[in-house]
Protein backbone atom coordinates (compact mmCIF):
# COMPACT_ATOMS: atom_id res chain seq x y z
CA UNK A 1 49.56 -93.03 217.79
CA UNK A 2 46.02 -93.19 216.39
CA UNK A 3 42.86 -91.28 217.10
CA UNK A 4 39.27 -92.52 216.59
CA UNK A 5 37.34 -89.57 215.44
CA UNK A 6 33.78 -90.77 216.02
CA UNK A 7 32.13 -89.44 219.25
CA UNK A 8 31.64 -92.25 221.83
CA UNK A 9 28.49 -92.26 223.82
CA UNK A 10 27.65 -92.80 227.49
CA UNK A 11 24.24 -93.36 229.17
CA UNK A 12 24.02 -89.58 229.88
CA UNK A 13 24.36 -88.81 226.18
CA UNK A 14 21.10 -90.48 224.91
CA UNK A 15 17.35 -90.74 225.64
CA UNK A 16 15.04 -93.41 224.15
CA UNK A 17 12.39 -92.70 221.58
CA UNK A 18 8.84 -93.74 222.64
CA UNK A 19 6.91 -95.70 220.06
CA UNK A 20 3.44 -96.74 219.21
CA UNK A 21 2.55 -99.75 221.48
CA UNK A 22 -0.17 -102.22 221.76
CA UNK A 23 0.71 -102.90 225.35
CA UNK A 24 -1.89 -101.48 227.71
CA UNK A 25 -0.22 -102.14 231.05
CA UNK A 26 3.10 -102.70 232.61
CA UNK A 27 1.79 -106.04 233.85
CA UNK A 28 1.50 -107.31 230.28
CA UNK A 29 5.28 -107.35 229.60
CA UNK A 30 7.60 -110.25 230.59
CA UNK A 31 11.02 -109.28 232.24
CA UNK A 32 12.06 -112.88 232.48
CA UNK A 33 13.86 -114.27 229.45
CA UNK A 34 15.27 -117.82 228.64
CA UNK A 35 19.09 -117.65 228.27
CA UNK A 36 20.59 -120.12 225.83
CA UNK A 37 24.39 -120.03 225.82
CA UNK A 38 27.12 -120.91 223.33
CA UNK A 39 28.95 -123.46 225.39
CA UNK A 40 26.99 -124.17 228.55
CA UNK A 41 24.27 -126.73 227.79
CA UNK A 42 21.89 -125.45 230.45
CA UNK A 43 19.12 -122.90 229.79
CA UNK A 44 18.22 -120.44 232.54
CA UNK A 45 15.16 -118.27 232.87
CA UNK A 46 15.87 -115.09 234.59
CA UNK A 47 16.03 -111.29 234.62
CA UNK A 48 19.39 -110.22 233.54
CA UNK A 49 20.13 -108.02 236.58
CA UNK A 50 23.29 -109.08 238.33
CA UNK A 51 24.98 -107.89 241.41
CA UNK A 52 28.82 -107.45 240.96
CA UNK A 53 31.39 -109.47 242.99
CA UNK A 54 32.56 -106.49 245.03
CA UNK A 55 33.11 -107.37 248.67
CA UNK A 56 30.25 -105.25 250.10
CA UNK A 57 27.54 -106.49 247.77
CA UNK A 58 28.64 -109.89 246.28
CA UNK A 59 27.54 -111.71 249.44
CA UNK A 60 25.56 -114.69 250.60
CA UNK A 61 22.82 -112.50 252.07
CA UNK A 62 22.47 -110.44 248.79
CA UNK A 63 22.48 -113.57 246.73
CA UNK A 64 19.45 -115.01 248.54
CA UNK A 65 17.49 -111.93 247.77
CA UNK A 66 18.42 -111.99 244.12
CA UNK A 67 17.67 -115.64 243.80
CA UNK A 68 14.09 -115.28 244.78
CA UNK A 69 13.56 -112.64 242.02
CA UNK A 70 15.29 -114.76 239.39
CA UNK A 71 18.15 -112.28 239.35
CA UNK A 72 21.77 -112.96 239.54
CA UNK A 73 24.60 -112.44 242.07
CA UNK A 74 28.37 -112.81 241.54
CA UNK A 75 29.93 -113.68 244.83
CA UNK A 76 33.16 -112.00 245.68
CA UNK A 77 36.50 -113.84 245.62
CA UNK A 78 37.29 -113.84 249.35
CA UNK A 79 35.10 -116.49 250.68
CA UNK A 80 36.86 -119.56 251.78
CA UNK A 81 36.13 -123.08 250.56
CA UNK A 82 34.40 -123.94 253.73
CA UNK A 83 32.22 -120.78 253.50
CA UNK A 84 31.24 -121.52 249.93
CA UNK A 85 30.59 -125.15 250.66
CA UNK A 86 28.24 -124.36 253.48
CA UNK A 87 26.29 -121.88 251.46
CA UNK A 88 26.03 -123.98 248.37
CA UNK A 89 24.89 -127.04 250.32
CA UNK A 90 22.09 -125.17 251.88
CA UNK A 91 20.89 -123.02 248.88
CA UNK A 92 19.78 -123.43 245.25
CA UNK A 93 22.76 -121.72 243.59
CA UNK A 94 22.77 -123.67 240.38
CA UNK A 95 21.33 -120.99 238.03
CA UNK A 96 21.60 -117.59 239.74
CA UNK A 97 24.88 -117.41 241.65
CA UNK A 98 28.29 -117.07 240.07
CA UNK A 99 31.58 -118.14 241.82
CA UNK A 100 34.39 -115.62 241.32
CA UNK A 101 38.04 -116.20 240.57
CA UNK A 102 41.04 -114.26 239.47
CA UNK A 103 44.28 -115.46 238.04
CA UNK A 104 45.84 -116.66 241.17
CA UNK A 105 46.54 -120.41 241.53
CA UNK A 106 44.74 -120.40 244.96
CA UNK A 107 41.66 -119.01 243.27
CA UNK A 108 41.77 -121.79 240.56
CA UNK A 109 42.20 -124.54 243.30
CA UNK A 110 39.37 -123.12 245.33
CA UNK A 111 36.95 -123.03 242.34
CA UNK A 112 38.11 -126.39 241.08
CA UNK A 113 37.36 -128.01 244.55
CA UNK A 114 33.91 -126.47 244.72
CA UNK A 115 32.93 -127.41 241.18
CA UNK A 116 34.16 -130.96 241.75
CA UNK A 117 32.59 -131.34 245.17
CA UNK A 118 29.15 -129.98 244.11
CA UNK A 119 28.72 -130.95 240.49
CA UNK A 120 24.90 -130.52 240.58
CA UNK A 121 24.72 -127.44 242.81
CA UNK A 122 26.92 -124.69 241.54
CA UNK A 123 27.97 -124.44 237.85
CA UNK A 124 28.40 -120.74 237.12
CA UNK A 125 31.85 -119.17 237.14
CA UNK A 126 33.11 -115.58 236.68
CA UNK A 127 36.72 -114.95 235.79
CA UNK A 128 37.13 -111.45 237.05
CA UNK A 129 40.16 -109.50 235.91
CA UNK A 130 40.16 -105.64 235.34
CA UNK A 131 42.23 -106.04 232.25
CA UNK A 132 41.11 -109.02 230.23
CA UNK A 133 43.60 -108.09 227.48
CA UNK A 134 46.48 -109.95 229.12
CA UNK A 135 47.26 -113.46 227.75
CA UNK A 136 46.66 -115.25 230.99
CA UNK A 137 42.98 -114.49 230.84
CA UNK A 138 42.31 -116.24 227.53
CA UNK A 139 44.55 -119.21 228.76
CA UNK A 140 42.48 -119.48 231.85
CA UNK A 141 39.28 -119.43 229.82
CA UNK A 142 40.45 -122.27 227.72
CA UNK A 143 41.67 -124.17 230.67
CA UNK A 144 38.32 -123.82 232.55
CA UNK A 145 36.33 -124.81 229.42
CA UNK A 146 38.37 -127.86 228.89
CA UNK A 147 38.35 -128.97 232.55
CA UNK A 148 34.57 -128.20 233.12
CA UNK A 149 32.87 -128.21 229.77
CA UNK A 150 29.37 -127.80 231.21
CA UNK A 151 29.92 -124.65 233.30
CA UNK A 152 28.39 -121.24 232.56
CA UNK A 153 31.54 -119.13 232.13
CA UNK A 154 31.64 -115.34 232.34
CA UNK A 155 34.88 -113.36 231.88
CA UNK A 156 35.86 -109.81 232.01
CA UNK A 157 36.64 -107.01 231.47
CA UNK A 158 36.76 -105.79 227.88
CA UNK A 159 35.56 -102.95 225.84
CA UNK A 160 36.43 -103.89 222.25
CA UNK A 161 34.91 -106.26 219.70
CA UNK A 162 38.14 -108.05 218.87
CA UNK A 163 38.73 -109.33 222.40
CA UNK A 164 35.08 -110.09 223.05
CA UNK A 165 34.99 -112.41 220.00
CA UNK A 166 38.30 -114.02 220.95
CA UNK A 167 37.24 -114.75 224.49
CA UNK A 168 33.88 -116.21 223.33
CA UNK A 169 35.50 -118.34 220.65
CA UNK A 170 37.98 -119.51 223.33
CA UNK A 171 35.24 -120.84 225.68
CA UNK A 172 33.40 -117.97 227.37
CA UNK A 173 29.66 -117.77 227.31
CA UNK A 174 29.40 -114.17 228.56
CA UNK A 175 31.97 -111.36 228.32
CA UNK A 176 31.81 -108.65 230.97
CA UNK A 177 32.17 -105.39 229.30
CA UNK A 178 33.26 -102.06 230.78
CA UNK A 179 36.55 -100.42 231.89
CA UNK A 180 36.62 -97.44 234.22
CA UNK A 181 32.82 -96.97 234.37
CA UNK A 182 32.09 -98.03 237.86
CA UNK A 183 31.16 -95.68 240.63
CA UNK A 184 34.06 -96.73 242.85
CA UNK A 185 36.62 -97.02 239.99
CA UNK A 186 39.31 -94.40 239.25
CA UNK A 187 41.09 -96.29 236.51
CA UNK A 188 40.32 -93.52 233.97
CA UNK A 189 41.77 -90.91 236.22
CA UNK A 190 44.87 -92.93 237.07
CA UNK A 191 45.61 -94.58 233.73
CA UNK A 192 43.64 -92.56 231.08
CA UNK A 193 42.28 -95.94 229.84
CA UNK A 194 38.52 -96.65 229.24
CA UNK A 195 35.54 -96.27 226.96
CA UNK A 196 32.12 -94.78 227.44
CA UNK A 197 29.71 -97.47 228.40
CA UNK A 198 27.01 -97.23 225.74
CA UNK A 199 29.41 -97.32 222.82
CA UNK A 200 31.09 -100.32 224.55
CA UNK A 201 27.78 -102.16 224.59
CA UNK A 202 26.86 -101.30 220.97
CA UNK A 203 30.13 -102.72 219.60
CA UNK A 204 30.61 -105.67 221.94
CA UNK A 205 27.10 -106.88 221.83
CA UNK A 206 27.00 -106.81 218.08
CA UNK A 207 30.08 -108.99 217.88
CA UNK A 208 29.13 -111.35 220.68
CA UNK A 209 25.74 -112.09 219.25
CA UNK A 210 27.27 -112.70 215.83
CA UNK A 211 29.34 -115.61 217.22
CA UNK A 212 26.69 -116.97 219.56
CA UNK A 213 27.85 -115.42 222.87
CA UNK A 214 26.47 -112.70 225.17
CA UNK A 215 27.77 -109.69 227.04
CA UNK A 216 27.30 -108.31 230.50
CA UNK A 217 27.38 -104.58 230.79
CA UNK A 218 29.52 -103.86 233.89
CA UNK A 219 29.33 -100.34 235.44
CA UNK A 220 28.12 -96.86 234.62
CA UNK A 221 24.67 -97.13 236.04
CA UNK A 222 23.54 -94.08 237.87
CA UNK A 223 19.79 -94.26 237.44
CA UNK A 224 17.28 -97.15 236.74
CA UNK A 225 16.92 -95.57 233.29
CA UNK A 226 20.54 -96.44 232.61
CA UNK A 227 19.81 -100.12 233.20
CA UNK A 228 17.05 -99.86 230.51
CA UNK A 229 19.43 -98.19 228.11
CA UNK A 230 21.94 -100.84 228.57
CA UNK A 231 19.45 -103.55 227.69
CA UNK A 232 18.32 -101.41 224.84
CA UNK A 233 21.82 -101.12 223.44
CA UNK A 234 22.10 -104.93 223.36
CA UNK A 235 23.45 -106.04 226.80
CA UNK A 236 22.18 -109.45 227.82
CA UNK A 237 22.89 -108.77 231.46
CA UNK A 238 23.49 -105.55 233.54
CA UNK A 239 25.92 -105.70 236.41
CA UNK A 240 25.87 -103.14 239.25
CA UNK A 241 27.84 -102.78 242.53
CA UNK A 242 27.51 -99.28 243.85
CA UNK A 243 23.89 -99.19 243.00
CA UNK A 244 23.20 -101.88 245.53
CA UNK A 245 25.88 -100.73 248.02
CA UNK A 246 23.58 -98.40 250.06
CA UNK A 247 21.08 -101.28 250.87
CA UNK A 248 20.88 -102.26 254.53
CA UNK A 249 21.57 -105.80 253.44
CA UNK A 250 25.02 -104.96 252.09
CA UNK A 251 28.03 -105.82 254.17
CA UNK A 252 29.20 -103.18 256.57
CA UNK A 253 28.08 -101.15 259.49
CA UNK A 254 25.56 -98.32 259.16
CA UNK A 255 27.32 -95.06 259.90
CA UNK A 256 25.34 -92.30 261.57
CA UNK A 257 26.33 -88.64 261.06
CA UNK A 258 24.87 -85.60 262.60
CA UNK A 259 24.42 -82.32 260.74
CA UNK A 260 23.44 -78.92 261.98
CA UNK A 261 20.60 -77.55 259.84
CA UNK A 262 19.59 -73.92 259.13
CA UNK A 263 16.43 -74.46 261.17
CA UNK A 264 15.94 -73.72 264.85
CA UNK A 265 13.68 -75.22 267.50
CA UNK A 266 11.25 -73.39 269.83
CA UNK A 267 14.11 -72.82 272.24
CA UNK A 268 16.30 -71.11 269.61
CA UNK A 269 18.68 -74.08 269.19
CA UNK A 270 19.81 -75.30 265.85
CA UNK A 271 18.02 -78.41 264.81
CA UNK A 272 20.35 -81.46 264.39
CA UNK A 273 19.62 -83.82 261.56
CA UNK A 274 20.96 -87.49 261.40
CA UNK A 275 21.92 -89.10 258.14
CA UNK A 276 22.80 -92.76 257.65
CA UNK A 277 25.52 -94.24 255.33
CA UNK A 278 27.20 -97.48 254.30
CA UNK A 279 30.89 -97.67 253.30
CA UNK A 280 31.58 -98.88 249.72
CA UNK A 281 35.02 -99.41 248.19
CA UNK A 282 36.51 -100.35 244.83
CA UNK A 283 38.16 -103.64 244.70
CA UNK A 284 41.25 -102.07 243.22
CA UNK A 285 41.50 -99.38 245.93
CA UNK A 286 44.28 -99.32 248.44
CA UNK A 287 41.63 -99.93 251.13
CA UNK A 288 40.69 -103.31 249.38
CA UNK A 289 44.23 -104.37 248.93
CA UNK A 290 44.99 -103.85 252.69
CA UNK A 291 41.78 -105.48 253.74
CA UNK A 292 41.94 -108.61 251.40
CA UNK A 293 45.53 -109.01 250.16
CA UNK A 294 47.77 -107.89 253.08
CA UNK A 295 48.67 -104.55 251.53
CA UNK A 296 49.17 -102.74 248.16
CA UNK A 297 52.10 -104.10 246.15
CA UNK A 298 54.75 -101.57 245.27
CA UNK A 299 54.24 -101.99 241.55
CA UNK A 300 50.55 -101.01 241.77
CA UNK A 301 48.63 -97.79 242.13
CA UNK A 302 45.32 -97.57 243.63
CA UNK A 303 42.42 -97.54 241.01
CA UNK A 304 39.55 -97.40 243.33
CA UNK A 305 37.91 -95.10 245.82
CA UNK A 306 36.17 -95.47 249.20
CA UNK A 307 32.88 -93.73 249.56
CA UNK A 308 30.12 -93.45 251.98
CA UNK A 309 26.74 -94.09 250.33
CA UNK A 310 23.45 -92.72 251.75
CA UNK A 311 21.47 -95.62 253.26
CA UNK A 312 18.76 -96.88 250.81
CA UNK A 313 15.59 -98.82 251.23
CA UNK A 314 15.83 -102.60 251.37
CA UNK A 315 17.17 -104.59 248.52
CA UNK A 316 13.77 -106.10 247.77
CA UNK A 317 12.24 -102.71 247.38
CA UNK A 318 15.19 -101.61 245.21
CA UNK A 319 14.67 -104.70 242.96
CA UNK A 320 10.96 -103.91 242.76
CA UNK A 321 11.77 -100.30 241.57
CA UNK A 322 14.29 -101.74 239.06
CA UNK A 323 11.80 -104.26 237.59
CA UNK A 324 9.02 -101.63 237.69
CA UNK A 325 11.21 -99.19 235.69
CA UNK A 326 12.14 -101.88 233.18
CA UNK A 327 8.49 -102.76 232.71
CA UNK A 328 7.60 -99.13 232.10
CA UNK A 329 10.42 -98.79 229.64
CA UNK A 330 9.09 -101.88 227.66
CA UNK A 331 5.65 -100.44 227.47
CA UNK A 332 7.09 -97.08 226.10
CA UNK A 333 8.86 -98.94 223.28
CA UNK A 334 6.39 -101.69 222.66
CA UNK A 335 8.59 -104.60 223.73
CA UNK A 336 6.56 -107.46 225.34
CA UNK A 337 9.69 -109.60 226.08
CA UNK A 338 12.97 -108.53 227.63
CA UNK A 339 14.75 -110.29 224.75
CA UNK A 340 13.03 -108.11 222.31
CA UNK A 341 14.10 -104.74 223.98
CA UNK A 342 17.08 -104.02 221.78
CA UNK A 343 15.21 -104.60 218.61
CA UNK A 344 12.53 -101.98 219.86
CA UNK A 345 14.94 -99.30 221.07
CA UNK A 346 15.86 -96.14 219.12
CA UNK A 347 18.12 -93.54 220.89
CA UNK A 348 18.17 -89.81 220.49
CA UNK A 349 21.49 -88.05 220.91
CA UNK A 350 20.93 -85.36 223.51
CA UNK A 351 22.76 -82.44 225.18
CA UNK A 352 20.65 -82.57 228.35
CA UNK A 353 19.10 -85.58 229.82
CA UNK A 354 17.48 -84.63 233.10
CA UNK A 355 15.84 -81.52 234.69
CA UNK A 356 17.91 -81.09 237.89
CA UNK A 357 16.34 -77.87 239.25
CA UNK A 358 15.21 -79.61 242.42
CA UNK A 359 18.17 -81.85 242.93
CA UNK A 360 20.63 -80.96 245.67
């Protein structure tokens, strides 16, 4: 047994120090950066916001909205070959859309078929496993890099420098970092395993950049400011699922609920208020296992939750708000380019981050 004595940090534990800036307007900063990868020969210009491959948000419809903003989308694993083929043949998926796969043989066969059938249309792959510390993950990274040397390959999830370095040197371009930090994840509650997200980014980004790789911060975003902090800590991409789940474009019906308020109308009757929600669920939840894998295996415990998220505005408005917040952040710290954000960021350790007096 060993205890690490240093205090680990999450997004809520810090604020960013403003600095003297020669930037007069948010319009002067560039939130698009050119990505150059360790193994993939392509260069991609984009904003490093990426939608996670959760079933409600990693969808074709969401991907179309992300592409037009030069943002990324990681499609969920449950599309058939025919579904993927139809979408890929009709859309420009080369740079901004990732295909997802797990460790199952049928996943490999599906992705192999798509990559072979569309060599010029879709070349981004995400190997998505909650626990990237098992040997089969590294073996699959090496297999995919050898079979398809030109692909952009992301793999996750990890939270320590040693594994990040190992996966990059084995063939990954990007390592997805974060365990237990997702809004629909209860891994920390069920297993006790995890690491605060900001400290994860600090350590993993440092080692990844040292060997020519990149990291994607996965999870932990509650506010747009958390996205800014993730970039400031060194993340090259920031992945979100629950943050997008309340958008009307997300998969699932809109649920309407009626609530009795404390107000009354002119006839003395209680005023009824309607609120609208979308269902969002973790991919390791029992709900997801029943929906996508014909039930929960007896050797597993549910590590995800099912939640009803208040309906948000359109995804295009949400993306506008995200990029607007990112531009404002860059003006506060004097960073003209997204790539320079981590060089310009200094964090304060804080006890209180927000004034919540008017929050419900």
